[in-house]
């Protein structure tokens, strides 16, 4: 599976409740907001992987804790 890029993640977050995504991925709502609003243009690969796993339905529990 490919890791989504920041633009794809930003678009995918547009219709999501950030607190729900944060709980599932272990990321902070602030980090998600920064990505969603285009202020975080270079998130870590770990962040992008966690979000890619979440959006592709492969994140069970906390995506960051691998």
C-alpha atoms as a PDB file:
ATOM      1  CA  UNK A   1       0.000   0.000   0.000  1.00  0.00           C
ATOM      2  CA  UNK A   2       1.212   3.472  -0.836  1.00  0.00           C
ATOM      3  CA  UNK A   3       1.425   6.249   1.696  1.00  0.00           C
ATOM      4  CA  UNK A   4      -0.829   9.175   0.853  1.00  0.00           C
ATOM      5  CA  UNK A   5       0.829  12.534   0.240  1.00  0.00           C
ATOM      6  CA  UNK A   6       0.002  15.619   2.288  1.00  0.00           C
ATOM      7  CA  UNK A   7      -2.433  16.975  -0.306  1.00  0.00           C
ATOM      8  CA  UNK A   8      -4.387  13.708  -0.395  1.00  0.00           C
ATOM      9  CA  UNK A   9      -4.523  13.587   3.386  1.00  0.00           C
ATOM     10  CA  UNK A  10      -5.623  17.224   3.579  1.00  0.00           C
ATOM     11  CA  UNK A  11      -8.482  16.534   1.183  1.00  0.00           C
ATOM     12  CA  UNK A  12      -9.482  13.356   3.031  1.00  0.00           C
ATOM     13  CA  UNK A  13      -9.650  15.265   6.333  1.00  0.00           C
ATOM     14  CA  UNK A  14     -12.064  17.900   4.984  1.00  0.00           C
ATOM     15  CA  UNK A  15     -15.228  15.988   5.929  1.00  0.00           C
ATOM     16  CA  UNK A  16     -13.911  14.276   9.066  1.00  0.00           C
ATOM     17  CA  UNK A  17     -14.283  15.047  12.756  1.00  0.00           C
ATOM     18  CA  UNK A  18     -10.699  15.654  13.788  1.00  0.00           C
ATOM     19  CA  UNK A  19     -11.168  14.374  17.334  1.00  0.00           C
ATOM     20  CA  UNK A  20     -12.364  11.013  15.944  1.00  0.00           C
ATOM     21  CA  UNK A  21      -9.376  10.741  13.588  1.00  0.00           C
ATOM     22  CA  UNK A  22      -7.040  11.827  16.391  1.00  0.00           C
ATOM     23  CA  UNK A  23      -8.343   9.128  18.720  1.00  0.00           C
ATOM     24  CA  UNK A  24      -7.965   6.423  16.065  1.00  0.00           C
ATOM     25  CA  UNK A  25      -4.479   7.453  14.919  1.00  0.00           C
ATOM     26  CA  UNK A  26      -2.862   8.722  18.107  1.00  0.00           C
ATOM     27  CA  UNK A  27      -2.192  12.087  16.463  1.00  0.00           C
ATOM     28  CA  UNK A  28      -3.252  15.368  18.030  1.00  0.00           C
ATOM     29  CA  UNK A  29      -6.265  17.297  16.757  1.00  0.00           C
ATOM     30  CA  UNK A  30      -3.916  20.268  16.340  1.00  0.00           C
ATOM     31  CA  UNK A  31      -1.650  18.295  13.985  1.00  0.00           C
ATOM     32  CA  UNK A  32      -4.667  17.187  11.978  1.00  0.00           C
ATOM     33  CA  UNK A  33      -5.993  20.739  11.797  1.00  0.00           C
ATOM     34  CA  UNK A  34      -2.637  22.019  10.557  1.00  0.00           C
ATOM     35  CA  UNK A  35      -2.611  19.413   7.772  1.00  0.00           C
ATOM     36  CA  UNK A  36      -6.278  19.916   6.906  1.00  0.00           C
ATOM     37  CA  UNK A  37      -5.855  23.674   6.581  1.00  0.00           C
ATOM     38  CA  UNK A  38      -2.627  23.487   4.571  1.00  0.00           C
ATOM     39  CA  UNK A  39      -0.392  24.949   7.266  1.00  0.00           C
ATOM     40  CA  UNK A  40       1.607  21.731   7.741  1.00  0.00           C
ATOM     41  CA  UNK A  41       3.185  21.149   4.360  1.00  0.00           C
ATOM     42  CA  UNK A  42       5.861  18.662   5.422  1.00  0.00           C
ATOM     43  CA  UNK A  43       4.503  16.230   8.028  1.00  0.00           C
ATOM     44  CA  UNK A  44       6.624  13.246   9.011  1.00  0.00           C
ATOM     45  CA  UNK A  45       6.329   9.968   7.142  1.00  0.00           C
ATOM     46  CA  UNK A  46       5.092   8.409  10.407  1.00  0.00           C
ATOM     47  CA  UNK A  47       2.192  10.900  10.462  1.00  0.00           C
ATOM     48  CA  UNK A  48       1.361  10.307   6.796  1.00  0.00           C
ATOM     49  CA  UNK A  49       1.535   6.525   7.292  1.00  0.00           C
ATOM     50  CA  UNK A  50      -0.810   6.657  10.283  1.00  0.00           C
ATOM     51  CA  UNK A  51      -3.310   8.717   8.318  1.00  0.00           C
ATOM     52  CA  UNK A  52      -2.953   6.566   5.205  1.00  0.00           C
ATOM     53  CA  UNK A  53      -3.632   3.463   7.283  1.00  0.00           C
ATOM     54  CA  UNK A  54      -6.665   5.150   8.815  1.00  0.00           C
ATOM     55  CA  UNK A  55      -8.154   6.245   5.503  1.00  0.00           C
ATOM     56  CA  UNK A  56      -7.443   2.902   3.853  1.00  0.00           C
ATOM     57  CA  UNK A  57      -9.167   1.019   6.669  1.00  0.00           C
ATOM     58  CA  UNK A  58      -6.080  -0.730   7.996  1.00  0.00           C
ATOM     59  CA  UNK A  59      -5.723   1.215  11.242  1.00  0.00           C
ATOM     60  CA  UNK A  60      -6.980  -0.747  14.215  1.00  0.00           C
ATOM     61  CA  UNK A  61      -6.399   1.041  17.466  1.00  0.00           C
ATOM     62  CA  UNK A  62      -3.533   3.497  17.522  1.00  0.00           C
ATOM     63  CA  UNK A  63      -1.750   3.721  14.184  1.00  0.00           C
ATOM     64  CA  UNK A  64       1.301   5.443  15.672  1.00  0.00           C
ATOM     65  CA  UNK A  65       2.146   2.687  18.120  1.00  0.00           C
ATOM     66  CA  UNK A  66       3.875   0.312  15.737  1.00  0.00           C
END
